[in-house]
Amino acid sequence: MLMIFLLIIFGLAAYRRGEFKVTRYRKVDGETARMLGVIMLVGAGLSFVIGGWIGLVALLVAIILGLLTSKPIAV
């Protein structure tokens, strides 16, 4: 249940702001971040209906895609 709540919070934040921090030094901006937010929100909804493993898969997909498309943060 906690994972569903976190997926909703992070998904809404990424979708609304258009920015998703993958690690401390890497982030995703723009439409890609919004798409990751949608993936997390859909995963949370499906996890609530079908089962918890869908949420875990959505989280892993969002993290992997985020790492592949992220850019370094200027420090």
C-alpha atoms as a PDB file:
ATOM      1  CA  MET A   1       0.000   0.000   0.000  1.00  0.00           C
ATOM      2  CA  LEU A   2       2.893   2.324   0.743  1.00  0.00           C
ATOM      3  CA  MET A   3       4.323   1.719  -2.727  1.00  0.00           C
ATOM      4  CA  ILE A   4       1.032   2.728  -4.340  1.00  0.00           C
ATOM      5  CA  PHE A   5       0.982   5.931  -2.295  1.00  0.00           C
ATOM      6  CA  LEU A   6       4.575   6.754  -3.263  1.00  0.00           C
ATOM      7  CA  LEU A   7       3.902   6.017  -6.933  1.00  0.00           C
ATOM      8  CA  ILE A   8       0.970   8.437  -6.861  1.00  0.00           C
ATOM      9  CA  ILE A   9       2.963  11.194  -5.109  1.00  0.00           C
ATOM     10  CA  PHE A  10       6.037  10.906  -7.343  1.00  0.00           C
ATOM     11  CA  GLY A  11       3.934  10.398 -10.485  1.00  0.00           C
ATOM     12  CA  LEU A  12       1.880  13.532  -9.831  1.00  0.00           C
ATOM     13  CA  ALA A  13       4.997  15.547  -9.010  1.00  0.00           C
ATOM     14  CA  ALA A  14       6.795  14.434 -12.176  1.00  0.00           C
ATOM     15  CA  TYR A  15       3.733  15.061 -14.337  1.00  0.00           C
ATOM     16  CA  ARG A  16       2.963  18.464 -12.863  1.00  0.00           C
ATOM     17  CA  ARG A  17       6.508  19.873 -12.688  1.00  0.00           C
ATOM     18  CA  GLY A  18       7.906  18.226 -15.802  1.00  0.00           C
ATOM     19  CA  GLU A  19      10.998  17.261 -13.835  1.00  0.00           C
ATOM     20  CA  PHE A  20      11.969  13.973 -12.209  1.00  0.00           C
ATOM     21  CA  LYS A  21      15.174  13.479 -10.214  1.00  0.00           C
ATOM     22  CA  VAL A  22      16.420   9.963 -10.807  1.00  0.00           C
ATOM     23  CA  THR A  23      19.503  10.296  -8.598  1.00  0.00           C
ATOM     24  CA  ARG A  24      21.117  13.134  -6.706  1.00  0.00           C
ATOM     25  CA  TYR A  25      23.132  14.149  -9.780  1.00  0.00           C
ATOM     26  CA  ARG A  26      20.817  13.177 -12.656  1.00  0.00           C
ATOM     27  CA  LYS A  27      17.344  14.308 -13.674  1.00  0.00           C
ATOM     28  CA  VAL A  28      14.849  14.036 -16.508  1.00  0.00           C
ATOM     29  CA  ASP A  29      13.113  17.143 -17.882  1.00  0.00           C
ATOM     30  CA  GLY A  30      10.162  17.991 -20.093  1.00  0.00           C
ATOM     31  CA  GLU A  31       7.929  15.531 -21.871  1.00  0.00           C
ATOM     32  CA  THR A  32      10.033  12.550 -20.866  1.00  0.00           C
ATOM     33  CA  ALA A  33       9.513  13.364 -17.181  1.00  0.00           C
ATOM     34  CA  ARG A  34       5.786  13.752 -17.767  1.00  0.00           C
ATOM     35  CA  MET A  35       5.693  10.380 -19.503  1.00  0.00           C
ATOM     36  CA  LEU A  36       7.483   8.797 -16.529  1.00  0.00           C
ATOM     37  CA  GLY A  37       4.865  10.409 -14.287  1.00  0.00           C
ATOM     38  CA  VAL A  38       2.082   8.860 -16.366  1.00  0.00           C
ATOM     39  CA  ILE A  39       3.785   5.452 -16.182  1.00  0.00           C
ATOM     40  CA  MET A  40       3.920   5.718 -12.390  1.00  0.00           C
ATOM     41  CA  LEU A  41       0.285   6.860 -12.124  1.00  0.00           C
ATOM     42  CA  VAL A  42      -0.986   4.084 -14.395  1.00  0.00           C
ATOM     43  CA  GLY A  43       1.129   1.573 -12.485  1.00  0.00           C
ATOM     44  CA  ALA A  44      -0.353   2.768  -9.187  1.00  0.00           C
ATOM     45  CA  GLY A  45      -3.888   2.448 -10.536  1.00  0.00           C
ATOM     46  CA  LEU A  46      -3.309  -1.012 -11.949  1.00  0.00           C
ATOM     47  CA  SER A  47      -1.544  -2.073  -8.779  1.00  0.00           C
ATOM     48  CA  PHE A  48      -4.570  -1.044  -6.751  1.00  0.00           C
ATOM     49  CA  VAL A  49      -6.917  -3.032  -9.009  1.00  0.00           C
ATOM     50  CA  ILE A  50      -4.852  -6.069 -10.058  1.00  0.00           C
ATOM     51  CA  GLY A  51      -2.085  -6.519  -7.509  1.00  0.00           C
ATOM     52  CA  GLY A  52       1.091  -5.092  -6.031  1.00  0.00           C
ATOM     53  CA  TRP A  53       3.511  -6.597  -8.533  1.00  0.00           C
ATOM     54  CA  ILE A  54       2.272  -4.245 -11.295  1.00  0.00           C
ATOM     55  CA  GLY A  55       3.306  -1.253  -9.197  1.00  0.00           C
ATOM     56  CA  LEU A  56       6.760  -2.718  -8.743  1.00  0.00           C
ATOM     57  CA  VAL A  57       7.085  -3.263 -12.495  1.00  0.00           C
ATOM     58  CA  ALA A  58       5.955   0.333 -13.173  1.00  0.00           C
ATOM     59  CA  LEU A  59       8.484   1.646 -10.670  1.00  0.00           C
ATOM     60  CA  LEU A  60      11.307  -0.383 -12.226  1.00  0.00           C
ATOM     61  CA  VAL A  61      10.334   0.764 -15.742  1.00  0.00           C
ATOM     62  CA  ALA A  62      10.261   4.404 -14.618  1.00  0.00           C
ATOM     63  CA  ILE A  63      13.672   4.116 -12.939  1.00  0.00           C
ATOM     64  CA  ILE A  64      15.309   2.320 -15.883  1.00  0.00           C
ATOM     65  CA  LEU A  65      13.871   4.729 -18.477  1.00  0.00           C
ATOM     66  CA  GLY A  66      14.798   7.636 -16.228  1.00  0.00           C
ATOM     67  CA  LEU A  67      18.394   6.473 -15.962  1.00  0.00           C
ATOM     68  CA  LEU A  68      18.634   5.933 -19.718  1.00  0.00           C
ATOM     69  CA  THR A  69      17.242   9.386 -20.608  1.00  0.00           C
ATOM     70  CA  SER A  70      18.588  11.489 -17.718  1.00  0.00           C
ATOM     71  CA  LYS A  71      20.976  14.399 -17.937  1.00  0.00           C
ATOM     72  CA  PRO A  72      23.518  15.554 -15.354  1.00  0.00           C
ATOM     73  CA  ILE A  73      22.444  18.297 -12.947  1.00  0.00           C
ATOM     74  CA  ALA A  74      24.686  21.347 -13.037  1.00  0.00           C
ATOM     75  CA  VAL A  75      26.229  21.693  -9.592  1.00  0.00           C
END
